[in-house]
C-alpha atoms as a PDB file:
ATOM      1  CA  MET A   1       0.055  -0.199  -0.072  1.00  0.00           C
ATOM      2  CA  ALA A   2       1.533   3.875  -1.060  1.00  0.00           C
ATOM      3  CA  LYS A   3       2.463   5.470   1.870  1.00  0.00           C
ATOM      4  CA  VAL A   4       2.874   9.336   3.282  1.00  0.00           C
ATOM      5  CA  ALA A   5       3.700  11.166   5.407  1.00  0.00           C
ATOM      6  CA  VAL A   6       2.230  14.684   6.102  1.00  0.00           C
ATOM      7  CA  ILE A   7       4.523  16.460   8.455  1.00  0.00           C
ATOM      8  CA  MET A   8       3.830  20.267   9.522  1.00  0.00           C
ATOM      9  CA  GLY A   9       5.783  22.847  11.914  1.00  0.00           C
ATOM     10  CA  SER A  10       3.815  23.402  14.373  1.00  0.00           C
ATOM     11  CA  LYS A  11       0.094  21.993  15.318  1.00  0.00           C
ATOM     12  CA  SER A  12      -1.068  25.439  14.109  1.00  0.00           C
ATOM     13  CA  ASP A  13      -0.751  24.409  11.127  1.00  0.00           C
ATOM     14  CA  LEU A  14      -2.908  21.585  10.675  1.00  0.00           C
ATOM     15  CA  GLY A  15      -5.750  23.532   9.149  1.00  0.00           C
ATOM     16  CA  ALA A  16      -3.644  23.404   5.853  1.00  0.00           C
ATOM     17  CA  VAL A  17      -2.880  19.728   6.296  1.00  0.00           C
ATOM     18  CA  LYS A  18      -5.928  18.251   6.680  1.00  0.00           C
ATOM     19  CA  PRO A  19      -7.080  18.636   2.775  1.00  0.00           C
ATOM     20  CA  ALA A  20      -3.803  17.296   1.559  1.00  0.00           C
ATOM     21  CA  VAL A  21      -4.849  14.129   4.363  1.00  0.00           C
ATOM     22  CA  SER A  22      -8.227  14.445   2.943  1.00  0.00           C
ATOM     23  CA  VAL A  23      -6.886  13.739  -1.080  1.00  0.00           C
ATOM     24  CA  LEU A  24      -4.312  11.424  -0.098  1.00  0.00           C
ATOM     25  CA  ARG A  25      -7.054   8.773   1.741  1.00  0.00           C
ATOM     26  CA  SER A  26      -9.993   9.363  -0.683  1.00  0.00           C
ATOM     27  CA  PHE A  27      -7.364   7.604  -3.170  1.00  0.00           C
ATOM     28  CA  GLY A  28      -6.021   4.858  -0.604  1.00  0.00           C
ATOM     29  CA  VAL A  29      -3.662   6.176   0.297  1.00  0.00           C
ATOM     30  CA  GLU A  30      -2.115   5.671   3.702  1.00  0.00           C
ATOM     31  CA  THR A  31      -1.221   8.360   5.738  1.00  0.00           C
ATOM     32  CA  GLU A  32       0.441   9.114   8.933  1.00  0.00           C
ATOM     33  CA  VAL A  33       0.628  13.126  10.018  1.00  0.00           C
ATOM     34  CA  HIS A  34       2.868  14.231  12.802  1.00  0.00           C
ATOM     35  CA  VAL A  35       4.185  17.291  14.181  1.00  0.00           C
ATOM     36  CA  ILE A  36       8.203  18.364  13.678  1.00  0.00           C
ATOM     37  CA  SER A  37       9.709  21.129  13.887  1.00  0.00           C
ATOM     38  CA  ALA A  38      12.535  22.059  11.745  1.00  0.00           C
ATOM     39  CA  HIS A  39      14.250  24.089  14.285  1.00  0.00           C
ATOM     40  CA  ARG A  40      12.937  23.391  17.984  1.00  0.00           C
ATOM     41  CA  THR A  41      12.861  19.278  17.073  1.00  0.00           C
ATOM     42  CA  PRO A  42      15.871  18.722  14.340  1.00  0.00           C
ATOM     43  CA  GLU A  43      17.210  15.973  16.234  1.00  0.00           C
ATOM     44  CA  GLU A  44      13.854  14.333  15.269  1.00  0.00           C
ATOM     45  CA  ALA A  45      13.206  15.971  12.500  1.00  0.00           C
ATOM     46  CA  HIS A  46      16.534  14.592  10.938  1.00  0.00           C
ATOM     47  CA  GLU A  47      15.863  10.963  12.400  1.00  0.00           C
ATOM     48  CA  PHE A  48      12.539  10.512  11.222  1.00  0.00           C
ATOM     49  CA  ALA A  49      13.592  11.562   7.505  1.00  0.00           C
ATOM     50  CA  SER A  50      16.527   9.005   7.511  1.00  0.00           C
ATOM     51  CA  SER A  51      14.818   6.471   9.003  1.00  0.00           C
ATOM     52  CA  ALA A  52      11.087   7.491   5.916  1.00  0.00           C
ATOM     53  CA  LYS A  53      12.395   4.975   3.373  1.00  0.00           C
ATOM     54  CA  GLN A  54      12.535   2.087   5.624  1.00  0.00           C
ATOM     55  CA  GLN A  55       9.314   3.090   7.208  1.00  0.00           C
ATOM     56  CA  GLY A  56       8.085   2.407   4.598  1.00  0.00           C
ATOM     57  CA  PHE A  57       7.362   6.014   3.499  1.00  0.00           C
ATOM     58  CA  GLU A  58       7.535   6.929  -0.125  1.00  0.00           C
ATOM     59  CA  VAL A  59       6.413  10.862  -0.577  1.00  0.00           C
ATOM     60  CA  ILE A  60       7.158  13.018   2.317  1.00  0.00           C
ATOM     61  CA  ILE A  61       4.869  16.389   2.685  1.00  0.00           C
ATOM     62  CA  CYS A  62       6.111  18.863   4.568  1.00  0.00           C
ATOM     63  CA  ALA A  63       4.073  22.259   5.927  1.00  0.00           C
ATOM     64  CA  ALA A  64       6.029  25.239   7.327  1.00  0.00           C
ATOM     65  CA  GLY A  65       5.330  28.462   7.615  1.00  0.00           C
ATOM     66  CA  LYS A  66       7.430  31.295   7.890  1.00  0.00           C
ATOM     67  CA  ALA A  67      11.566  30.773   7.638  1.00  0.00           C
ATOM     68  CA  ALA A  68       9.826  26.875   6.864  1.00  0.00           C
ATOM     69  CA  HIS A  69      13.159  25.197   6.589  1.00  0.00           C
ATOM     70  CA  LEU A  70      11.133  21.682   7.352  1.00  0.00           C
ATOM     71  CA  GLY A  71      10.440  20.403   3.793  1.00  0.00           C
ATOM     72  CA  GLY A  72      14.471  21.249   2.876  1.00  0.00           C
ATOM     73  CA  VAL A  73      15.838  19.700   6.601  1.00  0.00           C
ATOM     74  CA  PHE A  74      13.511  16.483   5.196  1.00  0.00           C
ATOM     75  CA  ALA A  75      15.606  16.498   1.213  1.00  0.00           C
ATOM     76  CA  ALA A  76      18.863  16.605   3.231  1.00  0.00           C
ATOM     77  CA  SER A  77      18.631  14.071   4.812  1.00  0.00           C
ATOM     78  CA  THR A  78      16.605  11.746   3.131  1.00  0.00           C
ATOM     79  CA  THR A  79      15.901  10.594  -0.979  1.00  0.00           C
ATOM     80  CA  LEU A  80      12.792  10.890  -0.986  1.00  0.00           C
ATOM     81  CA  PRO A  81      10.317  13.370  -3.224  1.00  0.00           C
ATOM     82  CA  VAL A  82       9.979  15.811  -0.763  1.00  0.00           C
ATOM     83  CA  ILE A  83       6.847  18.102  -1.359  1.00  0.00           C
ATOM     84  CA  GLY A  84       6.726  21.947   0.660  1.00  0.00           C
ATOM     85  CA  LEU A  85       3.117  23.317   1.770  1.00  0.00           C
ATOM     86  CA  PRO A  86       4.576  26.863   2.198  1.00  0.00           C
ATOM     87  CA  ILE A  87       1.584  28.069   4.958  1.00  0.00           C
ATOM     88  CA  LYS A  88       0.218  31.195   5.425  1.00  0.00           C
ATOM     89  CA  THR A  89       1.359  33.918   8.084  1.00  0.00           C
ATOM     90  CA  ASP A  90       0.205  37.534   9.519  1.00  0.00           C
ATOM     91  CA  MET A  91       3.358  38.681   8.358  1.00  0.00           C
ATOM     92  CA  MET A  92       3.927  38.259   4.838  1.00  0.00           C
ATOM     93  CA  GLY A  93       0.501  36.861   3.269  1.00  0.00           C
ATOM     94  CA  GLY A  94       2.835  33.860   3.202  1.00  0.00           C
ATOM     95  CA  LEU A  95       5.501  34.769   0.525  1.00  0.00           C
ATOM     96  CA  ASP A  96       8.202  34.690   3.673  1.00  0.00           C
ATOM     97  CA  SER A  97       7.025  30.251   3.406  1.00  0.00           C
ATOM     98  CA  LEU A  98       7.162  30.562  -0.060  1.00  0.00           C
ATOM     99  CA  LEU A  99      10.443  31.884  -0.474  1.00  0.00           C
ATOM    100  CA  SER A 100      11.995  29.884   2.005  1.00  0.00           C
ATOM    101  CA  ILE A 101      10.567  26.478   0.696  1.00  0.00           C
ATOM    102  CA  VAL A 102      11.838  27.196  -2.976  1.00  0.00           C
ATOM    103  CA  GLN A 103      15.268  28.344  -2.598  1.00  0.00           C
ATOM    104  CA  MET A 104      16.980  25.719  -1.432  1.00  0.00           C
ATOM    105  CA  PRO A 105      20.204  25.171  -2.035  1.00  0.00           C
ATOM    106  CA  SER A 106      21.813  23.137  -4.996  1.00  0.00           C
ATOM    107  CA  GLY A 107      21.002  19.142  -4.458  1.00  0.00           C
ATOM    108  CA  ILE A 108      18.437  19.443  -1.864  1.00  0.00           C
ATOM    109  CA  PRO A 109      15.577  19.661  -4.082  1.00  0.00           C
ATOM    110  CA  VAL A 110      11.938  20.059  -2.657  1.00  0.00           C
ATOM    111  CA  ALA A 111       8.570  20.080  -4.705  1.00  0.00           C
ATOM    112  CA  THR A 112       6.660  22.792  -3.824  1.00  0.00           C
ATOM    113  CA  VAL A 113       3.067  23.994  -4.098  1.00  0.00           C
ATOM    114  CA  GLY A 114       0.998  27.550  -3.245  1.00  0.00           C
ATOM    115  CA  VAL A 115       0.737  28.859  -0.143  1.00  0.00           C
ATOM    116  CA  ASN A 116      -2.055  27.005   2.222  1.00  0.00           C
ATOM    117  CA  ALA A 117      -2.673  24.217  -0.668  1.00  0.00           C
ATOM    118  CA  GLY A 118      -3.081  21.127   1.594  1.00  0.00           C
ATOM    119  CA  GLU A 119      -4.861  19.751  -1.872  1.00  0.00           C
ATOM    120  CA  ASN A 120      -2.217  20.286  -4.681  1.00  0.00           C
ATOM    121  CA  ALA A 121      -0.112  19.055  -2.196  1.00  0.00           C
ATOM    122  CA  GLY A 122      -1.575  15.446  -2.008  1.00  0.00           C
ATOM    123  CA  LEU A 123      -3.120  15.443  -5.265  1.00  0.00           C
ATOM    124  CA  LEU A 124       0.893  16.209  -6.574  1.00  0.00           C
ATOM    125  CA  ALA A 125       2.444  12.955  -4.066  1.00  0.00           C
ATOM    126  CA  ALA A 126      -0.964  11.324  -5.727  1.00  0.00           C
ATOM    127  CA  GLN A 127       0.188  11.363  -8.587  1.00  0.00           C
ATOM    128  CA  ILE A 128       4.207  10.798  -7.688  1.00  0.00           C
ATOM    129  CA  LEU A 129       2.063   7.486  -6.318  1.00  0.00           C
ATOM    130  CA  GLY A 130       0.571   6.886  -9.542  1.00  0.00           C
ATOM    131  CA  ILE A 131       3.910   6.241 -11.539  1.00  0.00           C
ATOM    132  CA  LYS A 132       3.762   2.720  -9.017  1.00  0.00           C
ATOM    133  CA  TYR A 133       0.561   2.157  -8.469  1.00  0.00           C
ATOM    134  CA  PRO A 134      -1.893   1.793 -11.082  1.00  0.00           C
ATOM    135  CA  GLU A 135      -5.096   2.580  -8.933  1.00  0.00           C
ATOM    136  CA  ILE A 136      -4.300   5.980  -7.968  1.00  0.00           C
ATOM    137  CA  ALA A 137      -3.329   6.769 -11.745  1.00  0.00           C
ATOM    138  CA  ALA A 138      -6.875   5.566 -12.597  1.00  0.00           C
ATOM    139  CA  GLU A 139      -8.466   7.318  -9.786  1.00  0.00           C
ATOM    140  CA  LEU A 140      -6.702  10.653 -10.339  1.00  0.00           C
ATOM    141  CA  ALA A 141      -7.379  10.519 -13.921  1.00  0.00           C
ATOM    142  CA  GLU A 142     -11.911  10.018 -13.108  1.00  0.00           C
ATOM    143  CA  TYR A 143     -10.718  12.887 -10.725  1.00  0.00           C
ATOM    144  CA  LYS A 144      -9.575  14.632 -13.570  1.00  0.00           C
ATOM    145  CA  GLN A 145     -12.341  13.438 -16.034  1.00  0.00           C
ATOM    146  CA  LYS A 146     -14.895  14.655 -13.028  1.00  0.00           C
ATOM    147  CA  MET A 147     -13.362  18.520 -13.139  1.00  0.00           C
ATOM    148  CA  LYS A 148     -13.710  18.197 -16.376  1.00  0.00           C
ATOM    149  CA  ASP A 149     -17.373  17.351 -16.718  1.00  0.00           C
ATOM    150  CA  LYS A 150     -17.641  19.836 -13.922  1.00  0.00           C
ATOM    151  CA  ILE A 151     -16.163  22.740 -15.907  1.00  0.00           C
ATOM    152  CA  ASN A 152     -17.615  21.722 -19.203  1.00  0.00           C
ATOM    153  CA  ALA A 153     -21.283  21.898 -17.573  1.00  0.00           C
ATOM    154  CA  ASP A 154     -20.770  25.388 -15.926  1.00  0.00           C
ATOM    155  CA  ASP A 155     -19.768  26.442 -19.539  1.00  0.00           C
ATOM    156  CA  VAL A 156     -23.194  25.136 -20.441  1.00  0.00           C
ATOM    157  CA  ALA A 157     -24.672  26.822 -18.061  1.00  0.00           C
ATOM    158  CA  VAL A 158     -22.975  30.398 -18.092  1.00  0.00           C
ATOM    159  CA  GLN A 159     -24.157  30.400 -22.074  1.00  0.00           C
ATOM    160  CA  ALA A 160     -27.352  29.710 -21.741  1.00  0.00           C
ATOM    161  CA  GLU A 161     -27.507  32.347 -18.585  1.00  0.00           C
ATOM    162  CA  SER A 162     -25.613  35.601 -20.554  1.00  0.00           C
ATOM    163  CA  ALA A 163     -27.701  35.393 -23.574  1.00  0.00           C
ATOM    164  CA  GLU A 164     -30.082  36.705 -20.820  1.00  0.00           C
ATOM    165  CA  PHE A 165     -27.996  39.822 -20.563  1.00  0.00           C
END
């Protein structure tokens, strides 16, 4: 079974993380959610990241705000794909988090989604897993077809409504 670790730097990040967990579980992906701080519990971060593959994880999502070093710390300690989920902050609206995650040094890649974009983090993890798991790939194709069908239905409705303007 596919398995993803969802790590947040603080319990306050849970609201942004929930959509990622929901999406993953809807595709049948086993998820574990943990609070591990790059700055306050660095030993735990290194230990978890360096043993994640042996624990059966295949992708790691790291949600963090402000300095947002969590994804980079994890990526430095594992060969698994790491997805950074920047968290919205009061100071800069999450731009600080986003820039902290996307500006990783050479050799430490962290894929990054938009600020508070937990759903996209979950979908990206599922797409990565879909390479290995055909059932996840098939469910993703259905998911995207449903999105397409909804937009096409919305287009028909808007065209009909706009004819009355």
